[in-house]
Amino acid sequence: MNSDTDNNDDIEILPLTQEHVIEVLKVIDDPELHIDVMTLGLIYDTVIDEKKKSIDIRMTFTTPLCPYGEILVEMIHTALTEQFGLAKDKVNIEVVFDPPWKPTDEIKAMLGIM
């Protein structure tokens, strides 16, 4: 067993597929809004390389000055490395602000701003 997974004996390692990555992201809630990152539309792109065993994510925050941005990135990084048994350098998260985040009408309604 490699050292990246030694502390994760109780976590079932999932096969590295696009579907499984999306499922993991769907249970990661924004710490401030308590809505998952997929529903919020914060994840712009996910690229899975099964041969290299790596994940590249392009995402944004609700605002460039998001006070929980760093925490959210760490939550995503930790969940993906643990759930797929990946080395830390195999999960790359790029935070972008172009295009800026724009909540859907559904999200606006959930947040009570519609």
PDB file of N, CA and C in Angstrom:
ATOM      1  N   MET A   1       0.850  -1.177   0.000  1.00  0.00           N
ATOM      2  CA  MET A   1       0.000   0.000   0.000  1.00  0.00           C
ATOM      3  C   MET A   1       0.893   1.237   0.000  1.00  0.00           C
ATOM      4  N   ASN A   2       0.553   2.270  -0.799  1.00  0.00           N
ATOM      5  CA  ASN A   2       1.426   3.440  -0.817  1.00  0.00           C
ATOM      6  C   ASN A   2       1.078   4.385   0.316  1.00  0.00           C
ATOM      7  N   SER A   3       2.008   5.263   0.658  1.00  0.00           N
ATOM      8  CA  SER A   3       1.849   6.120   1.823  1.00  0.00           C
ATOM      9  C   SER A   3       0.711   7.115   1.679  1.00  0.00           C
ATOM     10  N   ASP A   4       0.281   7.427   0.463  1.00  0.00           N
ATOM     11  CA  ASP A   4      -0.812   8.373   0.282  1.00  0.00           C
ATOM     12  C   ASP A   4      -2.146   7.808   0.729  1.00  0.00           C
ATOM     13  N   THR A   5      -2.251   6.502   0.858  1.00  0.00           N
ATOM     14  CA  THR A   5      -3.528   5.912   1.250  1.00  0.00           C
ATOM     15  C   THR A   5      -3.472   5.207   2.595  1.00  0.00           C
ATOM     16  N   ASP A   6      -2.321   5.177   3.261  1.00  0.00           N
ATOM     17  CA  ASP A   6      -2.197   4.463   4.526  1.00  0.00           C
ATOM     18  C   ASP A   6      -3.180   4.948   5.582  1.00  0.00           C
ATOM     19  N   ASN A   7      -3.451   6.235   5.629  1.00  0.00           N
ATOM     20  CA  ASN A   7      -4.345   6.781   6.634  1.00  0.00           C
ATOM     21  C   ASN A   7      -5.796   6.728   6.195  1.00  0.00           C
ATOM     22  N   ASN A   8      -6.068   6.151   5.054  1.00  0.00           N
ATOM     23  CA  ASN A   8      -7.415   6.158   4.505  1.00  0.00           C
ATOM     24  C   ASN A   8      -7.975   4.750   4.367  1.00  0.00           C
ATOM     25  N   ASP A   9      -7.606   3.857   5.295  1.00  0.00           N
ATOM     26  CA  ASP A   9      -8.039   2.471   5.201  1.00  0.00           C
ATOM     27  C   ASP A   9      -9.553   2.328   5.201  1.00  0.00           C
ATOM     28  N   ASP A  10     -10.271   3.244   5.827  1.00  0.00           N
ATOM     29  CA  ASP A  10     -11.720   3.137   5.913  1.00  0.00           C
ATOM     30  C   ASP A  10     -12.440   3.760   4.705  1.00  0.00           C
ATOM     31  N   ILE A  11     -11.711   4.335   3.783  1.00  0.00           N
ATOM     32  CA  ILE A  11     -12.299   4.952   2.595  1.00  0.00           C
ATOM     33  C   ILE A  11     -12.208   3.978   1.438  1.00  0.00           C
ATOM     34  N   GLU A  12     -13.357   3.729   0.815  1.00  0.00           N
ATOM     35  CA  GLU A  12     -13.370   2.865  -0.359  1.00  0.00           C
ATOM     36  C   GLU A  12     -12.795   3.635  -1.538  1.00  0.00           C
ATOM     37  N   ILE A  13     -11.729   3.122  -2.125  1.00  0.00           N
ATOM     38  CA  ILE A  13     -11.101   3.761  -3.272  1.00  0.00           C
ATOM     39  C   ILE A  13     -11.957   3.482  -4.506  1.00  0.00           C
ATOM     40  N   LEU A  14     -12.385   4.554  -5.167  1.00  0.00           N
ATOM     41  CA  LEU A  14     -13.233   4.436  -6.351  1.00  0.00           C
ATOM     42  C   LEU A  14     -12.392   4.365  -7.619  1.00  0.00           C
ATOM     43  N   PRO A  15     -12.916   3.724  -8.658  1.00  0.00           N
ATOM     44  CA  PRO A  15     -12.248   3.784  -9.961  1.00  0.00           C
ATOM     45  C   PRO A  15     -12.245   5.232 -10.464  1.00  0.00           C
ATOM     46  N   LEU A  16     -11.166   5.643 -11.088  1.00  0.00           N
ATOM     47  CA  LEU A  16     -11.033   7.017 -11.566  1.00  0.00           C
ATOM     48  C   LEU A  16     -11.783   7.187 -12.887  1.00  0.00           C
ATOM     49  N   THR A  17     -13.023   7.652 -12.783  1.00  0.00           N
ATOM     50  CA  THR A  17     -13.844   7.924 -13.960  1.00  0.00           C
ATOM     51  C   THR A  17     -14.479   9.299 -13.811  1.00  0.00           C
ATOM     52  N   GLN A  18     -14.906   9.865 -14.915  1.00  0.00           N
ATOM     53  CA  GLN A  18     -15.571  11.165 -14.897  1.00  0.00           C
ATOM     54  C   GLN A  18     -16.809  11.108 -13.990  1.00  0.00           C
ATOM     55  N   GLU A  19     -17.576  10.036 -14.108  1.00  0.00           N
ATOM     56  CA  GLU A  19     -18.804   9.904 -13.326  1.00  0.00           C
ATOM     57  C   GLU A  19     -18.524   9.888 -11.822  1.00  0.00           C
ATOM     58  N   HIS A  20     -17.483   9.153 -11.424  1.00  0.00           N
ATOM     59  CA  HIS A  20     -17.154   9.096 -10.000  1.00  0.00           C
ATOM     60  C   HIS A  20     -16.624  10.438  -9.494  1.00  0.00           C
ATOM     61  N   VAL A  21     -15.845  11.133 -10.298  1.00  0.00           N
ATOM     62  CA  VAL A  21     -15.344  12.452  -9.890  1.00  0.00           C
ATOM     63  C   VAL A  21     -16.522  13.397  -9.667  1.00  0.00           C
ATOM     64  N   ILE A  22     -17.484  13.395 -10.578  1.00  0.00           N
ATOM     65  CA  ILE A  22     -18.668  14.256 -10.438  1.00  0.00           C
ATOM     66  C   ILE A  22     -19.435  13.895  -9.167  1.00  0.00           C
ATOM     67  N   GLU A  23     -19.582  12.608  -8.898  1.00  0.00           N
ATOM     68  CA  GLU A  23     -20.301  12.172  -7.698  1.00  0.00           C
ATOM     69  C   GLU A  23     -19.602  12.671  -6.424  1.00  0.00           C
ATOM     70  N   VAL A  24     -18.273  12.614  -6.399  1.00  0.00           N
ATOM     71  CA  VAL A  24     -17.528  13.114  -5.237  1.00  0.00           C
ATOM     72  C   VAL A  24     -17.733  14.622  -5.099  1.00  0.00           C
ATOM     73  N   LEU A  25     -17.666  15.350  -6.208  1.00  0.00           N
ATOM     74  CA  LEU A  25     -17.847  16.801  -6.161  1.00  0.00           C
ATOM     75  C   LEU A  25     -19.249  17.194  -5.706  1.00  0.00           C
ATOM     76  N   LYS A  26     -20.227  16.357  -5.985  1.00  0.00           N
ATOM     77  CA  LYS A  26     -21.612  16.651  -5.606  1.00  0.00           C
ATOM     78  C   LYS A  26     -21.852  16.606  -4.101  1.00  0.00           C
ATOM     79  N   VAL A  27     -20.922  16.067  -3.344  1.00  0.00           N
ATOM     80  CA  VAL A  27     -21.110  16.022  -1.887  1.00  0.00           C
ATOM     81  C   VAL A  27     -20.211  17.024  -1.156  1.00  0.00           C
ATOM     82  N   ILE A  28     -19.525  17.874  -1.922  1.00  0.00           N
ATOM     83  CA  ILE A  28     -18.677  18.904  -1.305  1.00  0.00           C
ATOM     84  C   ILE A  28     -19.456  20.215  -1.315  1.00  0.00           C
ATOM     85  N   ASP A  29     -19.838  20.651  -0.129  1.00  0.00           N
ATOM     86  CA  ASP A  29     -20.626  21.877  -0.002  1.00  0.00           C
ATOM     87  C   ASP A  29     -19.742  23.100   0.174  1.00  0.00           C
ATOM     88  N   ASP A  30     -20.156  24.198  -0.440  1.00  0.00           N
ATOM     89  CA  ASP A  30     -19.536  25.490  -0.175  1.00  0.00           C
ATOM     90  C   ASP A  30     -19.729  25.752   1.324  1.00  0.00           C
ATOM     91  N   PRO A  31     -18.663  26.057   2.071  1.00  0.00           N
ATOM     92  CA  PRO A  31     -18.768  26.214   3.525  1.00  0.00           C
ATOM     93  C   PRO A  31     -19.686  27.351   3.962  1.00  0.00           C
ATOM     94  N   GLU A  32     -19.861  28.332   3.118  1.00  0.00           N
ATOM     95  CA  GLU A  32     -20.691  29.477   3.484  1.00  0.00           C
ATOM     96  C   GLU A  32     -22.141  29.298   3.047  1.00  0.00           C
ATOM     97  N   LEU A  33     -22.348  28.770   1.842  1.00  0.00           N
ATOM     98  CA  LEU A  33     -23.696  28.671   1.286  1.00  0.00           C
ATOM     99  C   LEU A  33     -24.368  27.332   1.558  1.00  0.00           C
ATOM    100  N   HIS A  34     -23.591  26.321   1.918  1.00  0.00           N
ATOM    101  CA  HIS A  34     -24.105  24.984   2.226  1.00  0.00           C
ATOM    102  C   HIS A  34     -24.869  24.367   1.061  1.00  0.00           C
ATOM    103  N   ILE A  35     -24.362  24.612  -0.139  1.00  0.00           N
ATOM    104  CA  ILE A  35     -24.863  24.011  -1.371  1.00  0.00           C
ATOM    105  C   ILE A  35     -23.642  23.424  -2.061  1.00  0.00           C
ATOM    106  N   ASP A  36     -23.812  22.248  -2.673  1.00  0.00           N
ATOM    107  CA  ASP A  36     -22.644  21.590  -3.254  1.00  0.00           C
ATOM    108  C   ASP A  36     -22.088  22.362  -4.459  1.00  0.00           C
ATOM    109  N   VAL A  37     -20.798  22.155  -4.708  1.00  0.00           N
ATOM    110  CA  VAL A  37     -20.079  22.908  -5.736  1.00  0.00           C
ATOM    111  C   VAL A  37     -20.598  22.642  -7.145  1.00  0.00           C
ATOM    112  N   MET A  38     -21.153  21.462  -7.389  1.00  0.00           N
ATOM    113  CA  MET A  38     -21.705  21.156  -8.714  1.00  0.00           C
ATOM    114  C   MET A  38     -23.020  21.904  -8.927  1.00  0.00           C
ATOM    115  N   THR A  39     -23.895  21.856  -7.952  1.00  0.00           N
ATOM    116  CA  THR A  39     -25.175  22.560  -8.056  1.00  0.00           C
ATOM    117  C   THR A  39     -24.945  24.061  -8.196  1.00  0.00           C
ATOM    118  N   LEU A  40     -23.971  24.589  -7.455  1.00  0.00           N
ATOM    119  CA  LEU A  40     -23.661  26.018  -7.544  1.00  0.00           C
ATOM    120  C   LEU A  40     -23.077  26.404  -8.903  1.00  0.00           C
ATOM    121  N   GLY A  41     -22.533  25.441  -9.615  1.00  0.00           N
ATOM    122  CA  GLY A  41     -21.910  25.743 -10.900  1.00  0.00           C
ATOM    123  C   GLY A  41     -20.497  26.293 -10.759  1.00  0.00           C
ATOM    124  N   LEU A  42     -19.832  25.959  -9.658  1.00  0.00           N
ATOM    125  CA  LEU A  42     -18.469  26.447  -9.434  1.00  0.00           C
ATOM    126  C   LEU A  42     -17.425  25.647 -10.209  1.00  0.00           C
ATOM    127  N   ILE A  43     -17.777  24.437 -10.622  1.00  0.00           N
ATOM    128  CA  ILE A  43     -16.849  23.595 -11.375  1.00  0.00           C
ATOM    129  C   ILE A  43     -17.104  23.820 -12.861  1.00  0.00           C
ATOM    130  N   TYR A  44     -16.120  24.367 -13.548  1.00  0.00           N
ATOM    131  CA  TYR A  44     -16.253  24.643 -14.975  1.00  0.00           C
ATOM    132  C   TYR A  44     -15.830  23.460 -15.838  1.00  0.00           C
ATOM    133  N   ASP A  45     -14.815  22.720 -15.396  1.00  0.00           N
ATOM    134  CA  ASP A  45     -14.309  21.639 -16.237  1.00  0.00           C
ATOM    135  C   ASP A  45     -13.564  20.630 -15.373  1.00  0.00           C
ATOM    136  N   THR A  46     -13.703  19.356 -15.724  1.00  0.00           N
ATOM    137  CA  THR A  46     -12.909  18.304 -15.098  1.00  0.00           C
ATOM    138  C   THR A  46     -12.302  17.461 -16.210  1.00  0.00           C
ATOM    139  N   VAL A  47     -11.008  17.202 -16.093  1.00  0.00           N
ATOM    140  CA  VAL A  47     -10.309  16.371 -17.066  1.00  0.00           C
ATOM    141  C   VAL A  47      -9.661  15.228 -16.301  1.00  0.00           C
ATOM    142  N   ILE A  48     -10.033  14.027 -16.686  1.00  0.00           N
ATOM    143  CA  ILE A  48      -9.516  12.825 -16.045  1.00  0.00           C
ATOM    144  C   ILE A  48      -8.532  12.158 -17.003  1.00  0.00           C
ATOM    145  N   ASP A  49      -7.338  11.847 -16.492  1.00  0.00           N
ATOM    146  CA  ASP A  49      -6.367  11.090 -17.277  1.00  0.00           C
ATOM    147  C   ASP A  49      -6.171   9.759 -16.558  1.00  0.00           C
ATOM    148  N   GLU A  50      -6.862   8.728 -17.050  1.00  0.00           N
ATOM    149  CA  GLU A  50      -6.803   7.422 -16.394  1.00  0.00           C
ATOM    150  C   GLU A  50      -5.413   6.802 -16.463  1.00  0.00           C
ATOM    151  N   LYS A  51      -4.674   7.055 -17.541  1.00  0.00           N
ATOM    152  CA  LYS A  51      -3.321   6.483 -17.671  1.00  0.00           C
ATOM    153  C   LYS A  51      -2.364   7.115 -16.666  1.00  0.00           C
ATOM    154  N   LYS A  52      -2.418   8.441 -16.542  1.00  0.00           N
ATOM    155  CA  LYS A  52      -1.535   9.143 -15.604  1.00  0.00           C
ATOM    156  C   LYS A  52      -2.092   9.151 -14.189  1.00  0.00           C
ATOM    157  N   LYS A  53      -3.330   8.680 -14.048  1.00  0.00           N
ATOM    158  CA  LYS A  53      -4.020   8.701 -12.752  1.00  0.00           C
ATOM    159  C   LYS A  53      -4.025  10.120 -12.181  1.00  0.00           C
ATOM    160  N   SER A  54      -4.594  11.044 -12.976  1.00  0.00           N
ATOM    161  CA  SER A  54      -4.625  12.437 -12.534  1.00  0.00           C
ATOM    162  C   SER A  54      -5.976  13.081 -12.835  1.00  0.00           C
ATOM    163  N   ILE A  55      -6.252  14.138 -12.095  1.00  0.00           N
ATOM    164  CA  ILE A  55      -7.479  14.915 -12.265  1.00  0.00           C
ATOM    165  C   ILE A  55      -7.090  16.386 -12.357  1.00  0.00           C
ATOM    166  N   ASP A  56      -7.588  17.064 -13.384  1.00  0.00           N
ATOM    167  CA  ASP A  56      -7.419  18.516 -13.512  1.00  0.00           C
ATOM    168  C   ASP A  56      -8.800  19.140 -13.436  1.00  0.00           C
ATOM    169  N   ILE A  57      -8.926  20.130 -12.570  1.00  0.00           N
ATOM    170  CA  ILE A  57     -10.204  20.811 -12.390  1.00  0.00           C
ATOM    171  C   ILE A  57     -10.012  22.297 -12.621  1.00  0.00           C
ATOM    172  N   ARG A  58     -10.940  22.876 -13.360  1.00  0.00           N
ATOM    173  CA  ARG A  58     -11.014  24.328 -13.553  1.00  0.00           C
ATOM    174  C   ARG A  58     -12.286  24.764 -12.856  1.00  0.00           C
ATOM    175  N   MET A  59     -12.147  25.697 -11.918  1.00  0.00           N
ATOM    176  CA  MET A  59     -13.295  26.117 -11.117  1.00  0.00           C
ATOM    177  C   MET A  59     -13.222  27.603 -10.793  1.00  0.00           C
ATOM    178  N   THR A  60     -14.279  28.090 -10.178  1.00  0.00           N
ATOM    179  CA  THR A  60     -14.327  29.476  -9.749  1.00  0.00           C
ATOM    180  C   THR A  60     -14.901  29.549  -8.347  1.00  0.00           C
ATOM    181  N   PHE A  61     -14.972  30.752  -7.815  1.00  0.00           N
ATOM    182  CA  PHE A  61     -15.644  31.015  -6.548  1.00  0.00           C
ATOM    183  C   PHE A  61     -16.846  31.914  -6.833  1.00  0.00           C
ATOM    184  N   THR A  62     -17.704  32.056  -5.844  1.00  0.00           N
ATOM    185  CA  THR A  62     -18.872  32.926  -6.028  1.00  0.00           C
ATOM    186  C   THR A  62     -18.450  34.386  -6.171  1.00  0.00           C
ATOM    187  N   THR A  63     -17.299  34.715  -5.642  1.00  0.00           N
ATOM    188  CA  THR A  63     -16.729  36.054  -5.762  1.00  0.00           C
ATOM    189  C   THR A  63     -15.204  35.930  -5.666  1.00  0.00           C
ATOM    190  N   PRO A  64     -14.456  36.776  -6.376  1.00  0.00           N
ATOM    191  CA  PRO A  64     -12.991  36.693  -6.271  1.00  0.00           C
ATOM    192  C   PRO A  64     -12.464  36.875  -4.841  1.00  0.00           C
ATOM    193  N   LEU A  65     -13.221  37.540  -3.995  1.00  0.00           N
ATOM    194  CA  LEU A  65     -12.793  37.763  -2.617  1.00  0.00           C
ATOM    195  C   LEU A  65     -13.423  36.770  -1.645  1.00  0.00           C
ATOM    196  N   CYS A  66     -13.852  35.631  -2.149  1.00  0.00           N
ATOM    197  CA  CYS A  66     -14.515  34.611  -1.336  1.00  0.00           C
ATOM    198  C   CYS A  66     -13.668  34.275  -0.106  1.00  0.00           C
ATOM    199  N   PRO A  67     -14.209  34.496   1.094  1.00  0.00           N
ATOM    200  CA  PRO A  67     -13.426  34.229   2.301  1.00  0.00           C
ATOM    201  C   PRO A  67     -13.154  32.741   2.531  1.00  0.00           C
ATOM    202  N   TYR A  68     -13.920  31.882   1.874  1.00  0.00           N
ATOM    203  CA  TYR A  68     -13.751  30.449   2.038  1.00  0.00           C
ATOM    204  C   TYR A  68     -13.088  29.777   0.839  1.00  0.00           C
ATOM    205  N   GLY A  69     -12.602  30.558  -0.104  1.00  0.00           N
ATOM    206  CA  GLY A  69     -12.030  30.003  -1.324  1.00  0.00           C
ATOM    207  C   GLY A  69     -10.907  29.010  -1.087  1.00  0.00           C
ATOM    208  N   GLU A  70      -9.948  29.380  -0.285  1.00  0.00           N
ATOM    209  CA  GLU A  70      -8.809  28.507  -0.008  1.00  0.00           C
ATOM    210  C   GLU A  70      -9.261  27.221   0.689  1.00  0.00           C
ATOM    211  N   ILE A  71     -10.198  27.354   1.596  1.00  0.00           N
ATOM    212  CA  ILE A  71     -10.730  26.186   2.309  1.00  0.00           C
ATOM    213  C   ILE A  71     -11.469  25.271   1.337  1.00  0.00           C
ATOM    214  N   LEU A  72     -12.256  25.856   0.441  1.00  0.00           N
ATOM    215  CA  LEU A  72     -13.014  25.077  -0.532  1.00  0.00           C
ATOM    216  C   LEU A  72     -12.087  24.295  -1.459  1.00  0.00           C
ATOM    217  N   VAL A  73     -11.035  24.936  -1.938  1.00  0.00           N
ATOM    218  CA  VAL A  73     -10.059  24.242  -2.792  1.00  0.00           C
ATOM    219  C   VAL A  73      -9.431  23.081  -2.031  1.00  0.00           C
ATOM    220  N   GLU A  74      -9.075  23.294  -0.777  1.00  0.00           N
ATOM    221  CA  GLU A  74      -8.475  22.227   0.024  1.00  0.00           C
ATOM    222  C   GLU A  74      -9.463  21.086   0.260  1.00  0.00           C
ATOM    223  N   MET A  75     -10.726  21.417   0.493  1.00  0.00           N
ATOM    224  CA  MET A  75     -11.754  20.381   0.682  1.00  0.00           C
ATOM    225  C   MET A  75     -11.870  19.508  -0.571  1.00  0.00           C
ATOM    226  N   ILE A  76     -11.892  20.148  -1.741  1.00  0.00           N
ATOM    227  CA  ILE A  76     -11.998  19.421  -3.006  1.00  0.00           C
ATOM    228  C   ILE A  76     -10.764  18.560  -3.228  1.00  0.00           C
ATOM    229  N   HIS A  77      -9.599  19.142  -3.019  1.00  0.00           N
ATOM    230  CA  HIS A  77      -8.339  18.430  -3.219  1.00  0.00           C
ATOM    231  C   HIS A  77      -8.265  17.203  -2.312  1.00  0.00           C
ATOM    232  N   THR A  78      -8.579  17.382  -1.046  1.00  0.00           N
ATOM    233  CA  THR A  78      -8.527  16.278  -0.092  1.00  0.00           C
ATOM    234  C   THR A  78      -9.517  15.174  -0.454  1.00  0.00           C
ATOM    235  N   ALA A  79     -10.742  15.561  -0.779  1.00  0.00           N
ATOM    236  CA  ALA A  79     -11.762  14.565  -1.125  1.00  0.00           C
ATOM    237  C   ALA A  79     -11.337  13.740  -2.333  1.00  0.00           C
ATOM    238  N   LEU A  80     -10.813  14.391  -3.349  1.00  0.00           N
ATOM    239  CA  LEU A  80     -10.427  13.674  -4.565  1.00  0.00           C
ATOM    240  C   LEU A  80      -9.207  12.786  -4.355  1.00  0.00           C
ATOM    241  N   THR A  81      -8.197  13.275  -3.652  1.00  0.00           N
ATOM    242  CA  THR A  81      -7.012  12.437  -3.424  1.00  0.00           C
ATOM    243  C   THR A  81      -7.372  11.218  -2.580  1.00  0.00           C
ATOM    244  N   GLU A  82      -8.173  11.420  -1.549  1.00  0.00           N
ATOM    245  CA  GLU A  82      -8.548  10.306  -0.684  1.00  0.00           C
ATOM    246  C   GLU A  82      -9.475   9.329  -1.395  1.00  0.00           C
ATOM    247  N   GLN A  83     -10.490   9.830  -2.065  1.00  0.00           N
ATOM    248  CA  GLN A  83     -11.492   8.960  -2.665  1.00  0.00           C
ATOM    249  C   GLN A  83     -10.939   8.112  -3.813  1.00  0.00           C
ATOM    250  N   PHE A  84      -9.920   8.634  -4.500  1.00  0.00           N
ATOM    251  CA  PHE A  84      -9.355   7.899  -5.626  1.00  0.00           C
ATOM    252  C   PHE A  84      -7.964   7.344  -5.337  1.00  0.00           C
ATOM    253  N   GLY A  85      -7.471   7.525  -4.112  1.00  0.00           N
ATOM    254  CA  GLY A  85      -6.169   6.990  -3.736  1.00  0.00           C
ATOM    255  C   GLY A  85      -5.033   7.603  -4.527  1.00  0.00           C
ATOM    256  N   LEU A  86      -5.133   8.894  -4.814  1.00  0.00           N
ATOM    257  CA  LEU A  86      -4.139   9.568  -5.648  1.00  0.00           C
ATOM    258  C   LEU A  86      -3.101  10.300  -4.809  1.00  0.00           C
ATOM    259  N   ALA A  87      -1.910  10.424  -5.362  1.00  0.00           N
ATOM    260  CA  ALA A  87      -0.885  11.268  -4.750  1.00  0.00           C
ATOM    261  C   ALA A  87      -1.363  12.721  -4.843  1.00  0.00           C
ATOM    262  N   LYS A  88      -0.939  13.537  -3.908  1.00  0.00           N
ATOM    263  CA  LYS A  88      -1.405  14.932  -3.858  1.00  0.00           C
ATOM    264  C   LYS A  88      -1.113  15.699  -5.142  1.00  0.00           C
ATOM    265  N   ASP A  89       0.001  15.390  -5.790  1.00  0.00           N
ATOM    266  CA  ASP A  89       0.359  16.125  -7.005  1.00  0.00           C
ATOM    267  C   ASP A  89      -0.416  15.655  -8.234  1.00  0.00           C
ATOM    268  N   LYS A  90      -1.298  14.683  -8.066  1.00  0.00           N
ATOM    269  CA  LYS A  90      -2.097  14.180  -9.185  1.00  0.00           C
ATOM    270  C   LYS A  90      -3.473  14.845  -9.281  1.00  0.00           C
ATOM    271  N   VAL A  91      -3.775  15.738  -8.352  1.00  0.00           N
ATOM    272  CA  VAL A  91      -5.020  16.505  -8.407  1.00  0.00           C
ATOM    273  C   VAL A  91      -4.630  17.973  -8.527  1.00  0.00           C
ATOM    274  N   ASN A  92      -4.950  18.548  -9.672  1.00  0.00           N
ATOM    275  CA  ASN A  92      -4.601  19.943  -9.945  1.00  0.00           C
ATOM    276  C   ASN A  92      -5.878  20.754 -10.058  1.00  0.00           C
ATOM    277  N   ILE A  93      -5.960  21.818  -9.281  1.00  0.00           N
ATOM    278  CA  ILE A  93      -7.142  22.671  -9.279  1.00  0.00           C
ATOM    279  C   ILE A  93      -6.723  24.070  -9.679  1.00  0.00           C
ATOM    280  N   GLU A  94      -7.298  24.543 -10.768  1.00  0.00           N
ATOM    281  CA  GLU A  94      -7.042  25.902 -11.243  1.00  0.00           C
ATOM    282  C   GLU A  94      -8.283  26.742 -10.952  1.00  0.00           C
ATOM    283  N   VAL A  95      -8.094  27.839 -10.230  1.00  0.00           N
ATOM    284  CA  VAL A  95      -9.197  28.755  -9.926  1.00  0.00           C
ATOM    285  C   VAL A  95      -9.139  29.904 -10.924  1.00  0.00           C
ATOM    286  N   VAL A  96     -10.261  30.126 -11.609  1.00  0.00           N
ATOM    287  CA  VAL A  96     -10.345  31.180 -12.623  1.00  0.00           C
ATOM    288  C   VAL A  96     -11.545  32.082 -12.318  1.00  0.00           C
ATOM    289  N   PHE A  97     -11.493  33.288 -12.841  1.00  0.00           N
ATOM    290  CA  PHE A  97     -12.609  34.212 -12.649  1.00  0.00           C
ATOM    291  C   PHE A  97     -13.150  34.730 -13.975  1.00  0.00           C
ATOM    292  N   ASP A  98     -12.745  34.081 -15.038  1.00  0.00           N
ATOM    293  CA  ASP A  98     -13.258  34.400 -16.370  1.00  0.00           C
ATOM    294  C   ASP A  98     -13.682  33.097 -17.023  1.00  0.00           C
ATOM    295  N   PRO A  99     -14.953  32.861 -17.166  1.00  0.00           N
ATOM    296  CA  PRO A  99     -16.032  33.797 -16.898  1.00  0.00           C
ATOM    297  C   PRO A  99     -16.340  33.877 -15.402  1.00  0.00           C
ATOM    298  N   PRO A 100     -16.859  35.021 -14.975  1.00  0.00           N
ATOM    299  CA  PRO A 100     -17.236  35.137 -13.568  1.00  0.00           C
ATOM    300  C   PRO A 100     -18.446  34.246 -13.268  1.00  0.00           C
ATOM    301  N   TRP A 101     -18.540  33.826 -12.022  1.00  0.00           N
ATOM    302  CA  TRP A 101     -19.663  32.991 -11.605  1.00  0.00           C
ATOM    303  C   TRP A 101     -20.961  33.775 -11.719  1.00  0.00           C
ATOM    304  N   LYS A 102     -21.947  33.117 -12.262  1.00  0.00           N
ATOM    305  CA  LYS A 102     -23.275  33.712 -12.379  1.00  0.00           C
ATOM    306  C   LYS A 102     -24.288  32.673 -11.905  1.00  0.00           C
ATOM    307  N   PRO A 103     -24.981  32.962 -10.797  1.00  0.00           N
ATOM    308  CA  PRO A 103     -25.930  31.978 -10.284  1.00  0.00           C
ATOM    309  C   PRO A 103     -27.131  31.826 -11.217  1.00  0.00           C
ATOM    310  N   THR A 104     -27.603  30.579 -11.333  1.00  0.00           N
ATOM    311  CA  THR A 104     -28.803  30.321 -12.121  1.00  0.00           C
ATOM    312  C   THR A 104     -30.016  30.832 -11.343  1.00  0.00           C
ATOM    313  N   ASP A 105     -31.150  30.892 -12.015  1.00  0.00           N
ATOM    314  CA  ASP A 105     -32.381  31.289 -11.332  1.00  0.00           C
ATOM    315  C   ASP A 105     -32.702  30.334 -10.188  1.00  0.00           C
ATOM    316  N   GLU A 106     -32.416  29.040 -10.387  1.00  0.00           N
ATOM    317  CA  GLU A 106     -32.651  28.045  -9.344  1.00  0.00           C
ATOM    318  C   GLU A 106     -31.793  28.351  -8.106  1.00  0.00           C
ATOM    319  N   ILE A 107     -30.534  28.669  -8.325  1.00  0.00           N
ATOM    320  CA  ILE A 107     -29.635  28.997  -7.199  1.00  0.00           C
ATOM    321  C   ILE A 107     -30.080  30.290  -6.543  1.00  0.00           C
ATOM    322  N   LYS A 108     -30.452  31.279  -7.333  1.00  0.00           N
ATOM    323  CA  LYS A 108     -30.941  32.530  -6.748  1.00  0.00           C
ATOM    324  C   LYS A 108     -32.137  32.273  -5.844  1.00  0.00           C
ATOM    325  N   ALA A 109     -33.046  31.412  -6.301  1.00  0.00           N
ATOM    326  CA  ALA A 109     -34.219  31.075  -5.495  1.00  0.00           C
ATOM    327  C   ALA A 109     -33.810  30.354  -4.214  1.00  0.00           C
ATOM    328  N   MET A 110     -32.850  29.438  -4.318  1.00  0.00           N
ATOM    329  CA  MET A 110     -32.371  28.709  -3.138  1.00  0.00           C
ATOM    330  C   MET A 110     -31.734  29.660  -2.123  1.00  0.00           C
ATOM    331  N   LEU A 111     -31.087  30.702  -2.631  1.00  0.00           N
ATOM    332  CA  LEU A 111     -30.424  31.657  -1.758  1.00  0.00           C
ATOM    333  C   LEU A 111     -31.340  32.783  -1.311  1.00  0.00           C
ATOM    334  N   GLY A 112     -32.572  32.800  -1.844  1.00  0.00           N
ATOM    335  CA  GLY A 112     -33.533  33.834  -1.470  1.00  0.00           C
ATOM    336  C   GLY A 112     -33.215  35.200  -2.026  1.00  0.00           C
ATOM    337  N   ILE A 113     -32.562  35.236  -3.209  1.00  0.00           N
ATOM    338  CA  ILE A 113     -32.215  36.531  -3.807  1.00  0.00           C
ATOM    339  C   ILE A 113     -32.937  36.772  -5.114  1.00  0.00           C
ATOM    340  N   MET A 114     -34.045  36.083  -5.286  1.00  0.00           N
ATOM    341  CA  MET A 114     -34.785  36.254  -6.533  1.00  0.00           C
ATOM    342  C   MET A 114     -36.120  36.896  -6.293  1.00  0.00           C
TER     343      MET A 114
END
